[in-house]
Amino acid sequence: MKILVKTTDFVEASDLFENCRGAWNAFANSEPNCSWGANNRTLINSSYIASILEQYDSEDDGEEVPKQIQTVQDRIKELKDDFYVDLEN
């Protein structure tokens, strides 16, 4: 049996959430349905991140976290339709 090696493009979460620690915390604290920890790569769709951030209730966070969430949402929109994000970096 020949095993086929596959490749994919992805961005690192640290690049997507750069200077947006509050937005990262909003995503991470939402208990997203993905694995964490000792993985080499954890790839999730950018649309999944966008959907989590859209649902975030930021009433108690002042103005900074909503601005950061919007920045991340804008970055997602700037890139191609849907792409993978590596959470393990």
PDB file of N, CA and C in Angstrom:
ATOM      1  N   MET A   1       0.831  -1.175   0.000  1.00  0.00           N
ATOM      2  CA  MET A   1       0.000   0.000   0.000  1.00  0.00           C
ATOM      3  C   MET A   1       0.883   1.247   0.000  1.00  0.00           C
ATOM      4  N   LYS A   2       0.608   2.138  -0.923  1.00  0.00           N
ATOM      5  CA  LYS A   2       1.349   3.392  -0.980  1.00  0.00           C
ATOM      6  C   LYS A   2       0.586   4.451  -0.172  1.00  0.00           C
ATOM      7  N   ILE A   3       1.290   5.122   0.706  1.00  0.00           N
ATOM      8  CA  ILE A   3       0.681   6.170   1.523  1.00  0.00           C
ATOM      9  C   ILE A   3       0.888   7.508   0.831  1.00  0.00           C
ATOM     10  N   LEU A   4      -0.179   8.229   0.681  1.00  0.00           N
ATOM     11  CA  LEU A   4      -0.141   9.531   0.018  1.00  0.00           C
ATOM     12  C   LEU A   4       0.068  10.629   1.055  1.00  0.00           C
ATOM     13  N   VAL A   5       1.116  11.401   0.895  1.00  0.00           N
ATOM     14  CA  VAL A   5       1.392  12.531   1.783  1.00  0.00           C
ATOM     15  C   VAL A   5       0.584  13.726   1.287  1.00  0.00           C
ATOM     16  N   LYS A   6      -0.127  14.367   2.218  1.00  0.00           N
ATOM     17  CA  LYS A   6      -0.963  15.517   1.860  1.00  0.00           C
ATOM     18  C   LYS A   6      -0.427  16.766   2.545  1.00  0.00           C
ATOM     19  N   THR A   7      -0.638  17.885   1.913  1.00  0.00           N
ATOM     20  CA  THR A   7      -0.209  19.155   2.481  1.00  0.00           C
ATOM     21  C   THR A   7      -1.383  20.129   2.492  1.00  0.00           C
ATOM     22  N   THR A   8      -1.283  21.124   3.347  1.00  0.00           N
ATOM     23  CA  THR A   8      -2.305  22.162   3.413  1.00  0.00           C
ATOM     24  C   THR A   8      -1.674  23.464   3.874  1.00  0.00           C
ATOM     25  N   ASP A   9      -2.293  24.553   3.509  1.00  0.00           N
ATOM     26  CA  ASP A   9      -1.842  25.870   3.967  1.00  0.00           C
ATOM     27  C   ASP A   9      -2.567  26.210   5.260  1.00  0.00           C
ATOM     28  N   PHE A  10      -1.887  26.944   6.125  1.00  0.00           N
ATOM     29  CA  PHE A  10      -2.510  27.406   7.361  1.00  0.00           C
ATOM     30  C   PHE A  10      -1.810  28.659   7.843  1.00  0.00           C
ATOM     31  N   VAL A  11      -2.454  29.375   8.721  1.00  0.00           N
ATOM     32  CA  VAL A  11      -1.833  30.513   9.399  1.00  0.00           C
ATOM     33  C   VAL A  11      -1.721  30.153  10.872  1.00  0.00           C
ATOM     34  N   GLU A  12      -0.786  30.764  11.537  1.00  0.00           N
ATOM     35  CA  GLU A  12      -0.619  30.521  12.965  1.00  0.00           C
ATOM     36  C   GLU A  12      -1.554  31.432  13.748  1.00  0.00           C
ATOM     37  N   ALA A  13      -2.125  30.892  14.801  1.00  0.00           N
ATOM     38  CA  ALA A  13      -3.029  31.671  15.638  1.00  0.00           C
ATOM     39  C   ALA A  13      -2.323  32.915  16.185  1.00  0.00           C
ATOM     40  N   SER A  14      -1.036  32.794  16.465  1.00  0.00           N
ATOM     41  CA  SER A  14      -0.302  33.949  16.993  1.00  0.00           C
ATOM     42  C   SER A  14      -0.256  35.093  15.985  1.00  0.00           C
ATOM     43  N   ASP A  15      -0.288  34.777  14.688  1.00  0.00           N
ATOM     44  CA  ASP A  15      -0.340  35.827  13.670  1.00  0.00           C
ATOM     45  C   ASP A  15      -1.757  36.388  13.535  1.00  0.00           C
ATOM     46  N   LEU A  16      -2.745  35.506  13.539  1.00  0.00           N
ATOM     47  CA  LEU A  16      -4.134  35.947  13.403  1.00  0.00           C
ATOM     48  C   LEU A  16      -4.558  36.817  14.580  1.00  0.00           C
ATOM     49  N   PHE A  17      -4.115  36.461  15.786  1.00  0.00           N
ATOM     50  CA  PHE A  17      -4.507  37.173  17.000  1.00  0.00           C
ATOM     51  C   PHE A  17      -3.427  38.152  17.483  1.00  0.00           C
ATOM     52  N   GLU A  18      -2.475  38.495  16.625  1.00  0.00           N
ATOM     53  CA  GLU A  18      -1.388  39.388  17.027  1.00  0.00           C
ATOM     54  C   GLU A  18      -1.936  40.691  17.606  1.00  0.00           C
ATOM     55  N   ASN A  19      -1.426  41.068  18.781  1.00  0.00           N
ATOM     56  CA  ASN A  19      -1.845  42.276  19.510  1.00  0.00           C
ATOM     57  C   ASN A  19      -3.335  42.276  19.859  1.00  0.00           C
ATOM     58  N   CYS A  20      -3.930  41.101  19.939  1.00  0.00           N
ATOM     59  CA  CYS A  20      -5.357  40.961  20.256  1.00  0.00           C
ATOM     60  C   CYS A  20      -5.546  39.894  21.328  1.00  0.00           C
ATOM     61  N   ARG A  21      -4.842  40.046  22.429  1.00  0.00           N
ATOM     62  CA  ARG A  21      -4.888  39.053  23.503  1.00  0.00           C
ATOM     63  C   ARG A  21      -6.300  38.884  24.060  1.00  0.00           C
ATOM     64  N   GLY A  22      -7.045  39.978  24.158  1.00  0.00           N
ATOM     65  CA  GLY A  22      -8.414  39.896  24.656  1.00  0.00           C
ATOM     66  C   GLY A  22      -9.302  39.073  23.740  1.00  0.00           C
ATOM     67  N   ALA A  23      -9.117  39.216  22.427  1.00  0.00           N
ATOM     68  CA  ALA A  23      -9.881  38.421  21.459  1.00  0.00           C
ATOM     69  C   ALA A  23      -9.481  36.947  21.562  1.00  0.00           C
ATOM     70  N   TRP A  24      -8.182  36.680  21.735  1.00  0.00           N
ATOM     71  CA  TRP A  24      -7.731  35.299  21.913  1.00  0.00           C
ATOM     72  C   TRP A  24      -8.380  34.691  23.161  1.00  0.00           C
ATOM     73  N   ASN A  25      -8.374  35.437  24.264  1.00  0.00           N
ATOM     74  CA  ASN A  25      -8.981  34.938  25.494  1.00  0.00           C
ATOM     75  C   ASN A  25     -10.481  34.698  25.307  1.00  0.00           C
ATOM     76  N   ALA A  26     -11.145  35.579  24.564  1.00  0.00           N
ATOM     77  CA  ALA A  26     -12.571  35.404  24.290  1.00  0.00           C
ATOM     78  C   ALA A  26     -12.792  34.085  23.553  1.00  0.00           C
ATOM     79  N   PHE A  27     -11.942  33.786  22.573  1.00  0.00           N
ATOM     80  CA  PHE A  27     -12.056  32.524  21.835  1.00  0.00           C
ATOM     81  C   PHE A  27     -11.730  31.344  22.749  1.00  0.00           C
ATOM     82  N   ALA A  28     -10.578  31.377  23.396  1.00  0.00           N
ATOM     83  CA  ALA A  28     -10.124  30.245  24.205  1.00  0.00           C
ATOM     84  C   ALA A  28     -11.064  29.964  25.377  1.00  0.00           C
ATOM     85  N   ASN A  29     -11.595  30.996  25.995  1.00  0.00           N
ATOM     86  CA  ASN A  29     -12.477  30.831  27.147  1.00  0.00           C
ATOM     87  C   ASN A  29     -13.891  30.393  26.764  1.00  0.00           C
ATOM     88  N   SER A  30     -14.185  30.376  25.478  1.00  0.00           N
ATOM     89  CA  SER A  30     -15.508  29.950  25.018  1.00  0.00           C
ATOM     90  C   SER A  30     -15.645  28.431  24.994  1.00  0.00           C
ATOM     91  N   GLU A  31     -14.586  27.744  25.407  1.00  0.00           N
ATOM     92  CA  GLU A  31     -14.539  26.284  25.384  1.00  0.00           C
ATOM     93  C   GLU A  31     -14.829  25.745  23.984  1.00  0.00           C
ATOM     94  N   PRO A  32     -14.015  26.169  23.001  1.00  0.00           N
ATOM     95  CA  PRO A  32     -14.242  25.725  21.621  1.00  0.00           C
ATOM     96  C   PRO A  32     -14.090  24.213  21.495  1.00  0.00           C
ATOM     97  N   ASN A  33     -14.762  23.657  20.527  1.00  0.00           N
ATOM     98  CA  ASN A  33     -14.746  22.220  20.292  1.00  0.00           C
ATOM     99  C   ASN A  33     -13.510  21.854  19.465  1.00  0.00           C
ATOM    100  N   CYS A  34     -12.360  21.829  20.127  1.00  0.00           N
ATOM    101  CA  CYS A  34     -11.110  21.441  19.478  1.00  0.00           C
ATOM    102  C   CYS A  34     -10.171  20.903  20.543  1.00  0.00           C
ATOM    103  N   SER A  35      -9.132  20.226  20.122  1.00  0.00           N
ATOM    104  CA  SER A  35      -8.186  19.664  21.085  1.00  0.00           C
ATOM    105  C   SER A  35      -7.099  20.686  21.409  1.00  0.00           C
ATOM    106  N   TRP A  36      -6.564  20.567  22.591  1.00  0.00           N
ATOM    107  CA  TRP A  36      -5.501  21.450  23.060  1.00  0.00           C
ATOM    108  C   TRP A  36      -4.381  20.587  23.616  1.00  0.00           C
ATOM    109  N   GLY A  37      -3.202  21.115  23.630  1.00  0.00           N
ATOM    110  CA  GLY A  37      -2.146  20.441  24.367  1.00  0.00           C
ATOM    111  C   GLY A  37      -1.039  19.882  23.523  1.00  0.00           C
ATOM    112  N   ALA A  38      -0.723  18.631  23.742  1.00  0.00           N
ATOM    113  CA  ALA A  38       0.499  18.034  23.231  1.00  0.00           C
ATOM    114  C   ALA A  38       0.439  17.685  21.744  1.00  0.00           C
ATOM    115  N   ASN A  39      -0.327  18.383  20.981  1.00  0.00           N
ATOM    116  CA  ASN A  39      -0.372  18.150  19.540  1.00  0.00           C
ATOM    117  C   ASN A  39       0.777  18.886  18.862  1.00  0.00           C
ATOM    118  N   ASN A  40       1.185  18.396  17.712  1.00  0.00           N
ATOM    119  CA  ASN A  40       2.149  19.114  16.897  1.00  0.00           C
ATOM    120  C   ASN A  40       1.444  20.246  16.169  1.00  0.00           C
ATOM    121  N   ARG A  41       0.257  19.970  15.661  1.00  0.00           N
ATOM    122  CA  ARG A  41      -0.568  20.969  14.979  1.00  0.00           C
ATOM    123  C   ARG A  41      -2.025  20.706  15.356  1.00  0.00           C
ATOM    124  N   THR A  42      -2.750  21.757  15.624  1.00  0.00           N
ATOM    125  CA  THR A  42      -4.196  21.665  15.777  1.00  0.00           C
ATOM    126  C   THR A  42      -4.773  22.642  14.781  1.00  0.00           C
ATOM    127  N   LEU A  43      -5.299  22.128  13.688  1.00  0.00           N
ATOM    128  CA  LEU A  43      -5.822  22.976  12.621  1.00  0.00           C
ATOM    129  C   LEU A  43      -7.338  23.049  12.714  1.00  0.00           C
ATOM    130  N   ILE A  44      -7.859  24.267  12.733  1.00  0.00           N
ATOM    131  CA  ILE A  44      -9.301  24.468  12.709  1.00  0.00           C
ATOM    132  C   ILE A  44      -9.623  25.507  11.641  1.00  0.00           C
ATOM    133  N   ASN A  45     -10.846  25.494  11.176  1.00  0.00           N
ATOM    134  CA  ASN A  45     -11.259  26.438  10.133  1.00  0.00           C
ATOM    135  C   ASN A  45     -11.398  27.846  10.697  1.00  0.00           C
ATOM    136  N   SER A  46     -11.005  28.808   9.899  1.00  0.00           N
ATOM    137  CA  SER A  46     -11.155  30.207  10.296  1.00  0.00           C
ATOM    138  C   SER A  46     -12.624  30.571  10.483  1.00  0.00           C
ATOM    139  N   SER A  47     -13.504  29.958   9.708  1.00  0.00           N
ATOM    140  CA  SER A  47     -14.934  30.240   9.851  1.00  0.00           C
ATOM    141  C   SER A  47     -15.441  29.814  11.224  1.00  0.00           C
ATOM    142  N   TYR A  48     -14.840  28.763  11.803  1.00  0.00           N
ATOM    143  CA  TYR A  48     -15.213  28.336  13.145  1.00  0.00           C
ATOM    144  C   TYR A  48     -14.806  29.394  14.169  1.00  0.00           C
ATOM    145  N   ILE A  49     -13.601  29.920  14.036  1.00  0.00           N
ATOM    146  CA  ILE A  49     -13.165  30.992  14.937  1.00  0.00           C
ATOM    147  C   ILE A  49     -14.086  32.196  14.801  1.00  0.00           C
ATOM    148  N   ALA A  50     -14.396  32.575  13.564  1.00  0.00           N
ATOM    149  CA  ALA A  50     -15.279  33.722  13.330  1.00  0.00           C
ATOM    150  C   ALA A  50     -16.631  33.509  13.990  1.00  0.00           C
ATOM    151  N   SER A  51     -17.183  32.300  13.891  1.00  0.00           N
ATOM    152  CA  SER A  51     -18.499  32.042  14.483  1.00  0.00           C
ATOM    153  C   SER A  51     -18.463  32.133  16.006  1.00  0.00           C
ATOM    154  N   ILE A  52     -17.379  31.670  16.610  1.00  0.00           N
ATOM    155  CA  ILE A  52     -17.236  31.772  18.071  1.00  0.00           C
ATOM    156  C   ILE A  52     -17.153  33.235  18.489  1.00  0.00           C
ATOM    157  N   LEU A  53     -16.345  34.017  17.783  1.00  0.00           N
ATOM    158  CA  LEU A  53     -16.181  35.425  18.136  1.00  0.00           C
ATOM    159  C   LEU A  53     -17.466  36.222  17.909  1.00  0.00           C
ATOM    160  N   GLU A  54     -18.251  35.850  16.904  1.00  0.00           N
ATOM    161  CA  GLU A  54     -19.528  36.526  16.659  1.00  0.00           C
ATOM    162  C   GLU A  54     -20.496  36.332  17.818  1.00  0.00           C
ATOM    163  N   GLN A  55     -20.395  35.222  18.508  1.00  0.00           N
ATOM    164  CA  GLN A  55     -21.305  34.907  19.606  1.00  0.00           C
ATOM    165  C   GLN A  55     -20.844  35.483  20.940  1.00  0.00           C
ATOM    166  N   TYR A  56     -19.656  36.033  20.983  1.00  0.00           N
ATOM    167  CA  TYR A  56     -19.091  36.476  22.254  1.00  0.00           C
ATOM    168  C   TYR A  56     -19.849  37.681  22.792  1.00  0.00           C
ATOM    169  N   ASP A  57     -20.254  37.588  24.047  1.00  0.00           N
ATOM    170  CA  ASP A  57     -20.946  38.688  24.725  1.00  0.00           C
ATOM    171  C   ASP A  57     -19.905  39.493  25.493  1.00  0.00           C
ATOM    172  N   SER A  58     -19.606  40.671  24.993  1.00  0.00           N
ATOM    173  CA  SER A  58     -18.494  41.451  25.550  1.00  0.00           C
ATOM    174  C   SER A  58     -18.956  42.645  26.377  1.00  0.00           C
ATOM    175  N   GLU A  59     -20.162  42.606  26.902  1.00  0.00           N
ATOM    176  CA  GLU A  59     -20.688  43.740  27.658  1.00  0.00           C
ATOM    177  C   GLU A  59     -19.800  44.142  28.824  1.00  0.00           C
ATOM    178  N   ASP A  60     -19.182  43.173  29.492  1.00  0.00           N
ATOM    179  CA  ASP A  60     -18.375  43.469  30.678  1.00  0.00           C
ATOM    180  C   ASP A  60     -16.919  43.788  30.361  1.00  0.00           C
ATOM    181  N   ASP A  61     -16.553  43.800  29.087  1.00  0.00           N
ATOM    182  CA  ASP A  61     -15.145  43.951  28.707  1.00  0.00           C
ATOM    183  C   ASP A  61     -14.763  45.364  28.272  1.00  0.00           C
ATOM    184  N   GLY A  62     -15.672  46.304  28.352  1.00  0.00           N
ATOM    185  CA  GLY A  62     -15.358  47.643  27.891  1.00  0.00           C
ATOM    186  C   GLY A  62     -15.247  47.691  26.383  1.00  0.00           C
ATOM    187  N   GLU A  63     -14.442  48.600  25.880  1.00  0.00           N
ATOM    188  CA  GLU A  63     -14.328  48.792  24.436  1.00  0.00           C
ATOM    189  C   GLU A  63     -13.180  48.021  23.799  1.00  0.00           C
ATOM    190  N   GLU A  64     -12.172  47.655  24.581  1.00  0.00           N
ATOM    191  CA  GLU A  64     -10.958  47.078  24.004  1.00  0.00           C
ATOM    192  C   GLU A  64     -11.185  45.700  23.382  1.00  0.00           C
ATOM    193  N   VAL A  65     -11.833  44.805  24.090  1.00  0.00           N
ATOM    194  CA  VAL A  65     -12.034  43.447  23.563  1.00  0.00           C
ATOM    195  C   VAL A  65     -12.905  43.464  22.307  1.00  0.00           C
ATOM    196  N   PRO A  66     -14.028  44.188  22.274  1.00  0.00           N
ATOM    197  CA  PRO A  66     -14.790  44.238  21.014  1.00  0.00           C
ATOM    198  C   PRO A  66     -13.972  44.769  19.835  1.00  0.00           C
ATOM    199  N   LYS A  67     -13.093  45.748  20.077  1.00  0.00           N
ATOM    200  CA  LYS A  67     -12.215  46.258  19.015  1.00  0.00           C
ATOM    201  C   LYS A  67     -11.267  45.164  18.535  1.00  0.00           C
ATOM    202  N   GLN A  68     -10.716  44.415  19.472  1.00  0.00           N
ATOM    203  CA  GLN A  68      -9.802  43.337  19.108  1.00  0.00           C
ATOM    204  C   GLN A  68     -10.525  42.242  18.341  1.00  0.00           C
ATOM    205  N   ILE A  69     -11.726  41.909  18.777  1.00  0.00           N
ATOM    206  CA  ILE A  69     -12.516  40.899  18.064  1.00  0.00           C
ATOM    207  C   ILE A  69     -12.784  41.362  16.641  1.00  0.00           C
ATOM    208  N   GLN A  70     -13.103  42.626  16.476  1.00  0.00           N
ATOM    209  CA  GLN A  70     -13.345  43.152  15.131  1.00  0.00           C
ATOM    210  C   GLN A  70     -12.076  43.097  14.285  1.00  0.00           C
ATOM    211  N   THR A  71     -10.926  43.374  14.891  1.00  0.00           N
ATOM    212  CA  THR A  71      -9.654  43.293  14.177  1.00  0.00           C
ATOM    213  C   THR A  71      -9.418  41.880  13.665  1.00  0.00           C
ATOM    214  N   VAL A  72      -9.641  40.887  14.518  1.00  0.00           N
ATOM    215  CA  VAL A  72      -9.452  39.492  14.110  1.00  0.00           C
ATOM    216  C   VAL A  72     -10.457  39.125  13.016  1.00  0.00           C
ATOM    217  N   GLN A  73     -11.704  39.548  13.177  1.00  0.00           N
ATOM    218  CA  GLN A  73     -12.723  39.279  12.152  1.00  0.00           C
ATOM    219  C   GLN A  73     -12.296  39.901  10.813  1.00  0.00           C
ATOM    220  N   ASP A  74     -11.767  41.114  10.855  1.00  0.00           N
ATOM    221  CA  ASP A  74     -11.304  41.773   9.628  1.00  0.00           C
ATOM    222  C   ASP A  74     -10.147  41.008   8.983  1.00  0.00           C
ATOM    223  N   ARG A  75      -9.237  40.491   9.798  1.00  0.00           N
ATOM    224  CA  ARG A  75      -8.120  39.702   9.263  1.00  0.00           C
ATOM    225  C   ARG A  75      -8.629  38.443   8.580  1.00  0.00           C
ATOM    226  N   ILE A  76      -9.623  37.809   9.181  1.00  0.00           N
ATOM    227  CA  ILE A  76     -10.198  36.599   8.586  1.00  0.00           C
ATOM    228  C   ILE A  76     -10.817  36.930   7.232  1.00  0.00           C
ATOM    229  N   LYS A  77     -11.524  38.053   7.152  1.00  0.00           N
ATOM    230  CA  LYS A  77     -12.170  38.451   5.902  1.00  0.00           C
ATOM    231  C   LYS A  77     -11.154  38.800   4.811  1.00  0.00           C
ATOM    232  N   GLU A  78      -9.994  39.331   5.204  1.00  0.00           N
ATOM    233  CA  GLU A  78      -8.964  39.712   4.241  1.00  0.00           C
ATOM    234  C   GLU A  78      -8.340  38.519   3.538  1.00  0.00           C
ATOM    235  N   LEU A  79      -8.278  37.397   4.214  1.00  0.00           N
ATOM    236  CA  LEU A  79      -7.671  36.204   3.637  1.00  0.00           C
ATOM    237  C   LEU A  79      -8.717  35.452   2.821  1.00  0.00           C
ATOM    238  N   LYS A  80      -8.305  34.371   2.193  1.00  0.00           N
ATOM    239  CA  LYS A  80      -9.242  33.625   1.341  1.00  0.00           C
ATOM    240  C   LYS A  80     -10.446  33.131   2.144  1.00  0.00           C
ATOM    241  N   ASP A  81     -11.461  32.699   1.446  1.00  0.00           N
ATOM    242  CA  ASP A  81     -12.765  32.377   2.030  1.00  0.00           C
ATOM    243  C   ASP A  81     -12.701  31.615   3.348  1.00  0.00           C
ATOM    244  N   ASP A  82     -12.034  30.514   3.355  1.00  0.00           N
ATOM    245  CA  ASP A  82     -11.896  29.736   4.593  1.00  0.00           C
ATOM    246  C   ASP A  82     -10.511  29.134   4.577  1.00  0.00           C
ATOM    247  N   PHE A  83      -9.842  29.166   5.702  1.00  0.00           N
ATOM    248  CA  PHE A  83      -8.490  28.658   5.782  1.00  0.00           C
ATOM    249  C   PHE A  83      -8.291  28.032   7.163  1.00  0.00           C
ATOM    250  N   TYR A  84      -7.227  27.266   7.280  1.00  0.00           N
ATOM    251  CA  TYR A  84      -6.917  26.644   8.560  1.00  0.00           C
ATOM    252  C   TYR A  84      -6.082  27.581   9.427  1.00  0.00           C
ATOM    253  N   VAL A  85      -6.324  27.473  10.722  1.00  0.00           N
ATOM    254  CA  VAL A  85      -5.550  28.202  11.727  1.00  0.00           C
ATOM    255  C   VAL A  85      -4.927  27.162  12.649  1.00  0.00           C
ATOM    256  N   ASP A  86      -3.626  27.289  12.881  1.00  0.00           N
ATOM    257  CA  ASP A  86      -2.906  26.383  13.765  1.00  0.00           C
ATOM    258  C   ASP A  86      -2.918  26.961  15.170  1.00  0.00           C
ATOM    259  N   LEU A  87      -3.570  26.273  16.096  1.00  0.00           N
ATOM    260  CA  LEU A  87      -3.653  26.746  17.485  1.00  0.00           C
ATOM    261  C   LEU A  87      -2.404  26.404  18.288  1.00  0.00           C
ATOM    262  N   GLU A  88      -1.558  25.540  17.787  1.00  0.00           N
ATOM    263  CA  GLU A  88      -0.413  25.053  18.543  1.00  0.00           C
ATOM    264  C   GLU A  88       0.860  25.813  18.182  1.00  0.00           C
ATOM    265  N   ASN A  89       0.906  27.080  18.468  1.00  0.00           N
ATOM    266  CA  ASN A  89       2.110  27.854  18.208  1.00  0.00           C
ATOM    267  C   ASN A  89       2.255  28.972  19.197  1.00  0.00           C
TER     268      ASN A  89
END
